[in-house]
PDB file of N, CA and C in Angstrom:
ATOM      1  N   MET A   1       0.204 117.366 122.339  1.00  0.00           N
ATOM      2  CA  MET A   1       1.548 117.855 122.191  1.00  0.00           C
ATOM      3  C   MET A   1       2.510 116.715 121.818  1.00  0.00           C
ATOM      4  N   GLU A   2       2.355 115.560 122.466  1.00  0.00           N
ATOM      5  CA  GLU A   2       3.203 114.419 122.156  1.00  0.00           C
ATOM      6  C   GLU A   2       3.015 113.983 120.715  1.00  0.00           C
ATOM      7  N   LYS A   3       1.775 114.015 120.251  1.00  0.00           N
ATOM      8  CA  LYS A   3       1.494 113.626 118.873  1.00  0.00           C
ATOM      9  C   LYS A   3       2.201 114.563 117.904  1.00  0.00           C
ATOM     10  N   GLN A   4       2.212 115.840 118.213  1.00  0.00           N
ATOM     11  CA  GLN A   4       2.875 116.819 117.348  1.00  0.00           C
ATOM     12  C   GLN A   4       4.389 116.575 117.318  1.00  0.00           C
ATOM     13  N   ILE A   5       4.949 116.264 118.472  1.00  0.00           N
ATOM     14  CA  ILE A   5       6.383 115.994 118.537  1.00  0.00           C
ATOM     15  C   ILE A   5       6.707 114.723 117.756  1.00  0.00           C
ATOM     16  N   LEU A   6       5.894 113.685 117.948  1.00  0.00           N
ATOM     17  CA  LEU A   6       6.112 112.442 117.211  1.00  0.00           C
ATOM     18  C   LEU A   6       5.978 112.652 115.707  1.00  0.00           C
ATOM     19  N   GLN A   7       4.982 113.453 115.321  1.00  0.00           N
ATOM     20  CA  GLN A   7       4.780 113.742 113.899  1.00  0.00           C
ATOM     21  C   GLN A   7       5.978 114.517 113.350  1.00  0.00           C
ATOM     22  N   ALA A   8       6.470 115.481 114.108  1.00  0.00           N
ATOM     23  CA  ALA A   8       7.628 116.261 113.680  1.00  0.00           C
ATOM     24  C   ALA A   8       8.862 115.363 113.542  1.00  0.00           C
ATOM     25  N   ILE A   9       9.019 114.436 114.460  1.00  0.00           N
ATOM     26  CA  ILE A   9      10.144 113.494 114.399  1.00  0.00           C
ATOM     27  C   ILE A   9      10.020 112.593 113.169  1.00  0.00           C
ATOM     28  N   LYS A  10       8.810 112.118 112.884  1.00  0.00           N
ATOM     29  CA  LYS A  10       8.586 111.275 111.705  1.00  0.00           C
ATOM     30  C   LYS A  10       8.902 112.045 110.426  1.00  0.00           C
ATOM     31  N   GLU A  11       8.452 113.289 110.356  1.00  0.00           N
ATOM     32  CA  GLU A  11       8.703 114.116 109.173  1.00  0.00           C
ATOM     33  C   GLU A  11      10.202 114.379 109.011  1.00  0.00           C
ATOM     34  N   LEU A  12      10.845 114.664 110.125  1.00  0.00           N
ATOM     35  CA  LEU A  12      12.287 114.884 110.097  1.00  0.00           C
ATOM     36  C   LEU A  12      13.018 113.626 109.641  1.00  0.00           C
ATOM     37  N   SER A  13      12.582 112.493 110.124  1.00  0.00           N
ATOM     38  CA  SER A  13      13.180 111.217 109.744  1.00  0.00           C
ATOM     39  C   SER A  13      13.014 110.971 108.245  1.00  0.00           C
ATOM     40  N   ILE A  14      11.823 111.253 107.732  1.00  0.00           N
ATOM     41  CA  ILE A  14      11.561 111.085 106.295  1.00  0.00           C
ATOM     42  C   ILE A  14      12.467 112.008 105.486  1.00  0.00           C
ATOM     43  N   GLN A  15      12.573 113.249 105.913  1.00  0.00           N
ATOM     44  CA  GLN A  15      13.415 114.219 105.206  1.00  0.00           C
ATOM     45  C   GLN A  15      14.886 113.790 105.229  1.00  0.00           C
ATOM     46  N   MET A  16      15.314 113.274 106.369  1.00  0.00           N
ATOM     47  CA  MET A  16      16.711 112.828 106.468  1.00  0.00           C
ATOM     48  C   MET A  16      16.972 111.640 105.549  1.00  0.00           C
ATOM     49  N   LYS A  17      16.019 110.720 105.457  1.00  0.00           N
ATOM     50  CA  LYS A  17      16.171 109.572 104.566  1.00  0.00           C
ATOM     51  C   LYS A  17      16.212 110.025 103.112  1.00  0.00           C
ATOM     52  N   GLU A  18      15.371 111.009 102.773  1.00  0.00           N
ATOM     53  CA  GLU A  18      15.372 111.548 101.409  1.00  0.00           C
ATOM     54  C   GLU A  18      16.706 112.221 101.100  1.00  0.00           C
ATOM     55  N   MET A  19      17.233 112.966 102.065  1.00  0.00           N
ATOM     56  CA  MET A  19      18.525 113.622 101.877  1.00  0.00           C
ATOM     57  C   MET A  19      19.635 112.590 101.706  1.00  0.00           C
ATOM     58  N   GLU A  20      19.583 111.540 102.514  1.00  0.00           N
ATOM     59  CA  GLU A  20      20.592 110.490 102.418  1.00  0.00           C
ATOM     60  C   GLU A  20      20.545 109.829 101.045  1.00  0.00           C
ATOM     61  N   SER A  21      19.352 109.540 100.587  1.00  0.00           N
ATOM     62  CA  SER A  21      19.186 108.927  99.280  1.00  0.00           C
ATOM     63  C   SER A  21      19.711 109.848  98.180  1.00  0.00           C
ATOM     64  N   SER A  22      19.384 111.116  98.295  1.00  0.00           N
ATOM     65  CA  SER A  22      19.845 112.101  97.316  1.00  0.00           C
ATOM     66  C   SER A  22      21.369 112.197  97.315  1.00  0.00           C
ATOM     67  N   MET A  23      21.950 112.210  98.494  1.00  0.00           N
ATOM     68  CA  MET A  23      23.411 112.295  98.598  1.00  0.00           C
ATOM     69  C   MET A  23      24.070 111.054  98.009  1.00  0.00           C
ATOM     70  N   LYS A  24      23.494 109.890  98.242  1.00  0.00           N
ATOM     71  CA  LYS A  24      24.045 108.662  97.685  1.00  0.00           C
ATOM     72  C   LYS A  24      23.999 108.708  96.160  1.00  0.00           C
ATOM     73  N   THR A  25      22.884 109.201  95.621  1.00  0.00           N
ATOM     74  CA  THR A  25      22.749 109.315  94.172  1.00  0.00           C
ATOM     75  C   THR A  25      23.792 110.277  93.617  1.00  0.00           C
ATOM     76  N   GLU A  26      23.943 111.429  94.262  1.00  0.00           N
ATOM     77  CA  GLU A  26      24.929 112.413  93.816  1.00  0.00           C
ATOM     78  C   GLU A  26      26.344 111.855  93.891  1.00  0.00           C
ATOM     79  N   MET A  27      26.647 111.138  94.966  1.00  0.00           N
ATOM     80  CA  MET A  27      27.981 110.558  95.108  1.00  0.00           C
ATOM     81  C   MET A  27      28.242 109.513  94.021  1.00  0.00           C
ATOM     82  N   ALA A  28      27.244 108.715  93.695  1.00  0.00           N
ATOM     83  CA  ALA A  28      27.397 107.710  92.642  1.00  0.00           C
ATOM     84  C   ALA A  28      27.649 108.391  91.297  1.00  0.00           C
ATOM     85  N   GLU A  29      26.920 109.470  91.038  1.00  0.00           N
ATOM     86  CA  GLU A  29      27.117 110.228  89.800  1.00  0.00           C
ATOM     87  C   GLU A  29      28.516 110.829  89.750  1.00  0.00           C
ATOM     88  N   MET A  30      28.970 111.361  90.876  1.00  0.00           N
ATOM     89  CA  MET A  30      30.304 111.952  90.934  1.00  0.00           C
ATOM     90  C   MET A  30      31.380 110.889  90.704  1.00  0.00           C
ATOM     91  N   LYS A  31      31.192 109.704  91.278  1.00  0.00           N
ATOM     92  CA  LYS A  31      32.151 108.616  91.067  1.00  0.00           C
ATOM     93  C   LYS A  31      32.218 108.245  89.590  1.00  0.00           C
ATOM     94  N   THR A  32      31.055 108.165  88.959  1.00  0.00           N
ATOM     95  CA  THR A  32      31.006 107.816  87.542  1.00  0.00           C
ATOM     96  C   THR A  32      31.719 108.877  86.711  1.00  0.00           C
ATOM     97  N   GLU A  33      31.442 110.144  87.002  1.00  0.00           N
ATOM     98  CA  GLU A  33      32.100 111.232  86.279  1.00  0.00           C
ATOM     99  C   GLU A  33      33.610 111.204  86.501  1.00  0.00           C
ATOM    100  N   LEU A  34      34.028 110.956  87.726  1.00  0.00           N
ATOM    101  CA  LEU A  34      35.444 110.903  88.051  1.00  0.00           C
ATOM    102  C   LEU A  34      36.127 109.759  87.307  1.00  0.00           C
ATOM    103  N   ARG A  35      35.478 108.609  87.278  1.00  0.00           N
ATOM    104  CA  ARG A  35      36.056 107.470  86.550  1.00  0.00           C
ATOM    105  C   ARG A  35      36.202 107.789  85.065  1.00  0.00           C
ATOM    106  N   THR A  36      35.183 108.427  84.501  1.00  0.00           N
ATOM    107  CA  THR A  36      35.230 108.804  83.088  1.00  0.00           C
ATOM    108  C   THR A  36      36.376 109.775  82.837  1.00  0.00           C
ATOM    109  N   GLU A  37      36.495 110.782  83.680  1.00  0.00           N
ATOM    110  CA  GLU A  37      37.564 111.762  83.523  1.00  0.00           C
ATOM    111  C   GLU A  37      38.935 111.106  83.682  1.00  0.00           C
ATOM    112  N   MET A  38      39.046 110.182  84.624  1.00  0.00           N
ATOM    113  CA  MET A  38      40.331 109.503  84.834  1.00  0.00           C
ATOM    114  C   MET A  38      40.701 108.640  83.628  1.00  0.00           C
ATOM    115  N   LYS A  39      39.729 107.962  83.035  1.00  0.00           N
ATOM    116  CA  LYS A  39      39.994 107.152  81.851  1.00  0.00           C
ATOM    117  C   LYS A  39      40.427 108.030  80.685  1.00  0.00           C
ATOM    118  N   GLU A  40      39.759 109.191  80.521  1.00  0.00           N
ATOM    119  CA  GLU A  40      40.141 110.117  79.467  1.00  0.00           C
ATOM    120  C   GLU A  40      41.559 110.641  79.691  1.00  0.00           C
ATOM    121  N   MET A  41      41.870 110.979  80.938  1.00  0.00           N
ATOM    122  CA  MET A  41      43.196 111.476  81.271  1.00  0.00           C
ATOM    123  C   MET A  41      44.244 110.393  81.030  1.00  0.00           C
ATOM    124  N   GLU A  42      43.920 109.168  81.410  1.00  0.00           N
ATOM    125  CA  GLU A  42      44.839 108.054  81.192  1.00  0.00           C
ATOM    126  C   GLU A  42      45.123 107.885  79.700  1.00  0.00           C
ATOM    127  N   GLY A  43      44.080 108.033  78.896  1.00  0.00           N
ATOM    128  CA  GLY A  43      44.250 107.936  77.440  1.00  0.00           C
ATOM    129  C   GLY A  43      45.166 109.023  76.906  1.00  0.00           C
ATOM    130  N   ARG A  44      44.974 110.256  77.396  1.00  0.00           N
ATOM    131  CA  ARG A  44      45.827 111.363  76.947  1.00  0.00           C
ATOM    132  C   ARG A  44      47.275 111.148  77.384  1.00  0.00           C
ATOM    133  N   ILE A  45      47.461 110.689  78.613  1.00  0.00           N
ATOM    134  CA  ILE A  45      48.818 110.446  79.115  1.00  0.00           C
ATOM    135  C   ILE A  45      49.482 109.339  78.297  1.00  0.00           C
ATOM    136  N   THR A  46      48.759 108.274  78.027  1.00  0.00           N
ATOM    137  CA  THR A  46      49.305 107.171  77.235  1.00  0.00           C
ATOM    138  C   THR A  46      49.704 107.652  75.852  1.00  0.00           C
ATOM    139  N   GLU A  47      48.853 108.464  75.242  1.00  0.00           N
ATOM    140  CA  GLU A  47      49.154 109.004  73.907  1.00  0.00           C
ATOM    141  C   GLU A  47      50.423 109.856  73.949  1.00  0.00           C
ATOM    142  N   ARG A  48      50.536 110.696  74.959  1.00  0.00           N
ATOM    143  CA  ARG A  48      51.723 111.551  75.079  1.00  0.00           C
ATOM    144  C   ARG A  48      52.972 110.718  75.310  1.00  0.00           C
ATOM    145  N   LEU A  49      52.870 109.694  76.162  1.00  0.00           N
ATOM    146  CA  LEU A  49      54.027 108.832  76.403  1.00  0.00           C
ATOM    147  C   LEU A  49      54.431 108.082  75.133  1.00  0.00           C
ATOM    148  N   ASP A  50      53.460 107.635  74.374  1.00  0.00           N
ATOM    149  CA  ASP A  50      53.754 106.963  73.107  1.00  0.00           C
ATOM    150  C   ASP A  50      54.476 107.916  72.152  1.00  0.00           C
ATOM    151  N   ASN A  51      54.014 109.162  72.099  1.00  0.00           N
ATOM    152  CA  ASN A  51      54.661 110.161  71.242  1.00  0.00           C
ATOM    153  C   ASN A  51      56.084 110.439  71.704  1.00  0.00           C
ATOM    154  N   LEU A  52      56.274 110.535  73.014  1.00  0.00           N
ATOM    155  CA  LEU A  52      57.616 110.755  73.550  1.00  0.00           C
ATOM    156  C   LEU A  52      58.536 109.578  73.216  1.00  0.00           C
ATOM    157  N   GLU A  53      58.012 108.383  73.363  1.00  0.00           N
ATOM    158  CA  GLU A  53      58.806 107.197  73.056  1.00  0.00           C
ATOM    159  C   GLU A  53      59.221 107.189  71.589  1.00  0.00           C
ATOM    160  N   ALA A  54      58.284 107.537  70.715  1.00  0.00           N
ATOM    161  CA  ALA A  54      58.595 107.579  69.288  1.00  0.00           C
ATOM    162  C   ALA A  54      59.646 108.650  69.000  1.00  0.00           C
ATOM    163  N   SER A  55      59.519 109.797  69.638  1.00  0.00           N
ATOM    164  CA  SER A  55      60.501 110.872  69.440  1.00  0.00           C
ATOM    165  C   SER A  55      61.874 110.453  69.940  1.00  0.00           C
ATOM    166  N   LEU A  56      61.916 109.827  71.099  1.00  0.00           N
ATOM    167  CA  LEU A  56      63.194 109.369  71.643  1.00  0.00           C
ATOM    168  C   LEU A  56      63.828 108.309  70.746  1.00  0.00           C
ATOM    169  N   THR A  57      63.023 107.445  70.193  1.00  0.00           N
ATOM    170  CA  THR A  57      63.538 106.420  69.290  1.00  0.00           C
ATOM    171  C   THR A  57      64.196 107.072  68.080  1.00  0.00           C
ATOM    172  N   VAL A  58      63.546 108.070  67.523  1.00  0.00           N
ATOM    173  CA  VAL A  58      64.104 108.786  66.376  1.00  0.00           C
ATOM    174  C   VAL A  58      65.408 109.477  66.767  1.00  0.00           C
ATOM    175  N   LEU A  59      65.417 110.120  67.918  1.00  0.00           N
ATOM    176  CA  LEU A  59      66.632 110.811  68.373  1.00  0.00           C
ATOM    177  C   LEU A  59      67.787 109.835  68.594  1.00  0.00           C
ATOM    178  N   VAL A  60      67.500 108.684  69.183  1.00  0.00           N
ATOM    179  CA  VAL A  60      68.546 107.682  69.404  1.00  0.00           C
ATOM    180  C   VAL A  60      69.085 107.188  68.065  1.00  0.00           C
ATOM    181  N   GLU A  61      68.196 106.927  67.116  1.00  0.00           N
ATOM    182  CA  GLU A  61      68.628 106.468  65.788  1.00  0.00           C
ATOM    183  C   GLU A  61      69.477 107.533  65.107  1.00  0.00           C
ATOM    184  N   GLU A  62      69.055 108.793  65.189  1.00  0.00           N
ATOM    185  CA  GLU A  62      69.831 109.887  64.602  1.00  0.00           C
ATOM    186  C   GLU A  62      71.193 110.010  65.279  1.00  0.00           C
ATOM    187  N   ASN A  63      71.226 109.831  66.595  1.00  0.00           N
ATOM    188  CA  ASN A  63      72.482 109.894  67.333  1.00  0.00           C
ATOM    189  C   ASN A  63      73.445 108.809  66.869  1.00  0.00           C
ATOM    190  N   HIS A  64      72.932 107.605  66.713  1.00  0.00           N
ATOM    191  CA  HIS A  64      73.776 106.502  66.234  1.00  0.00           C
ATOM    192  C   HIS A  64      74.288 106.791  64.823  1.00  0.00           C
ATOM    193  N   GLN A  65      73.425 107.329  63.990  1.00  0.00           N
ATOM    194  CA  GLN A  65      73.838 107.649  62.619  1.00  0.00           C
ATOM    195  C   GLN A  65      74.889 108.750  62.623  1.00  0.00           C
ATOM    196  N   ASN A  66      74.699 109.750  63.478  1.00  0.00           N
ATOM    197  CA  ASN A  66      75.681 110.830  63.575  1.00  0.00           C
ATOM    198  C   ASN A  66      77.034 110.296  64.049  1.00  0.00           C
ATOM    199  N   LYS A  67      77.014 109.399  65.014  1.00  0.00           N
ATOM    200  CA  LYS A  67      78.265 108.803  65.492  1.00  0.00           C
ATOM    201  C   LYS A  67      78.954 108.026  64.375  1.00  0.00           C
ATOM    202  N   ALA A  68      78.163 107.287  63.619  1.00  0.00           N
ATOM    203  CA  ALA A  68      78.715 106.527  62.507  1.00  0.00           C
ATOM    204  C   ALA A  68      79.304 107.470  61.469  1.00  0.00           C
ATOM    205  N   ASP A  69      78.619 108.555  61.175  1.00  0.00           N
ATOM    206  CA  ASP A  69      79.122 109.541  60.206  1.00  0.00           C
ATOM    207  C   ASP A  69      80.420 110.153  60.688  1.00  0.00           C
ATOM    208  N   ILE A  70      80.500 110.480  61.964  1.00  0.00           N
ATOM    209  CA  ILE A  70      81.713 111.073  62.540  1.00  0.00           C
ATOM    210  C   ILE A  70      82.877 110.080  62.429  1.00  0.00           C
ATOM    211  N   MET A  71      82.612 108.823  62.736  1.00  0.00           N
ATOM    212  CA  MET A  71      83.652 107.802  62.641  1.00  0.00           C
ATOM    213  C   MET A  71      84.154 107.678  61.195  1.00  0.00           C
ATOM    214  N   GLN A  72      83.246 107.723  60.241  1.00  0.00           N
ATOM    215  CA  GLN A  72      83.643 107.639  58.818  1.00  0.00           C
ATOM    216  C   GLN A  72      84.479 108.836  58.420  1.00  0.00           C
ATOM    217  N   LEU A  73      84.096 110.028  58.895  1.00  0.00           N
ATOM    218  CA  LEU A  73      84.855 111.237  58.579  1.00  0.00           C
ATOM    219  C   LEU A  73      86.261 111.168  59.184  1.00  0.00           C
ATOM    220  N   LYS A  74      86.352 110.649  60.411  1.00  0.00           N
ATOM    221  CA  LYS A  74      87.663 110.528  61.054  1.00  0.00           C
ATOM    222  C   LYS A  74      88.547 109.523  60.298  1.00  0.00           C
ATOM    223  N   GLN A  75      87.940 108.447  59.854  1.00  0.00           N
ATOM    224  CA  GLN A  75      88.706 107.427  59.132  1.00  0.00           C
ATOM    225  C   GLN A  75      89.123 107.923  57.744  1.00  0.00           C
ATOM    226  N   ALA A  76      88.309 108.804  57.169  1.00  0.00           N
ATOM    227  CA  ALA A  76      88.606 109.330  55.841  1.00  0.00           C
ATOM    228  C   ALA A  76      89.791 110.304  55.878  1.00  0.00           C
ATOM    229  N   LYS A  77      90.090 110.870  57.030  1.00  0.00           N
ATOM    230  CA  LYS A  77      91.187 111.841  57.126  1.00  0.00           C
ATOM    231  C   LYS A  77      92.513 111.213  57.002  1.00  0.00           C
TER     232      LYS A  77
END
């Protein structure tokens, strides 16, 4: 009976080690996937911010030009 209990404990221990190893592998894969997704997201955010900056630059330039045009029209009166 003791031998059976010891054998069952050994088998359980082996199974637990296999599960731990499997979980570590899965966690490493998940970390890698998460890092990849975060880098892709960072790239998309950077691209959007660059586009926003370019749009704002154009709007500011147009605003300055409009102000200059208004000043010229006022002076022409």
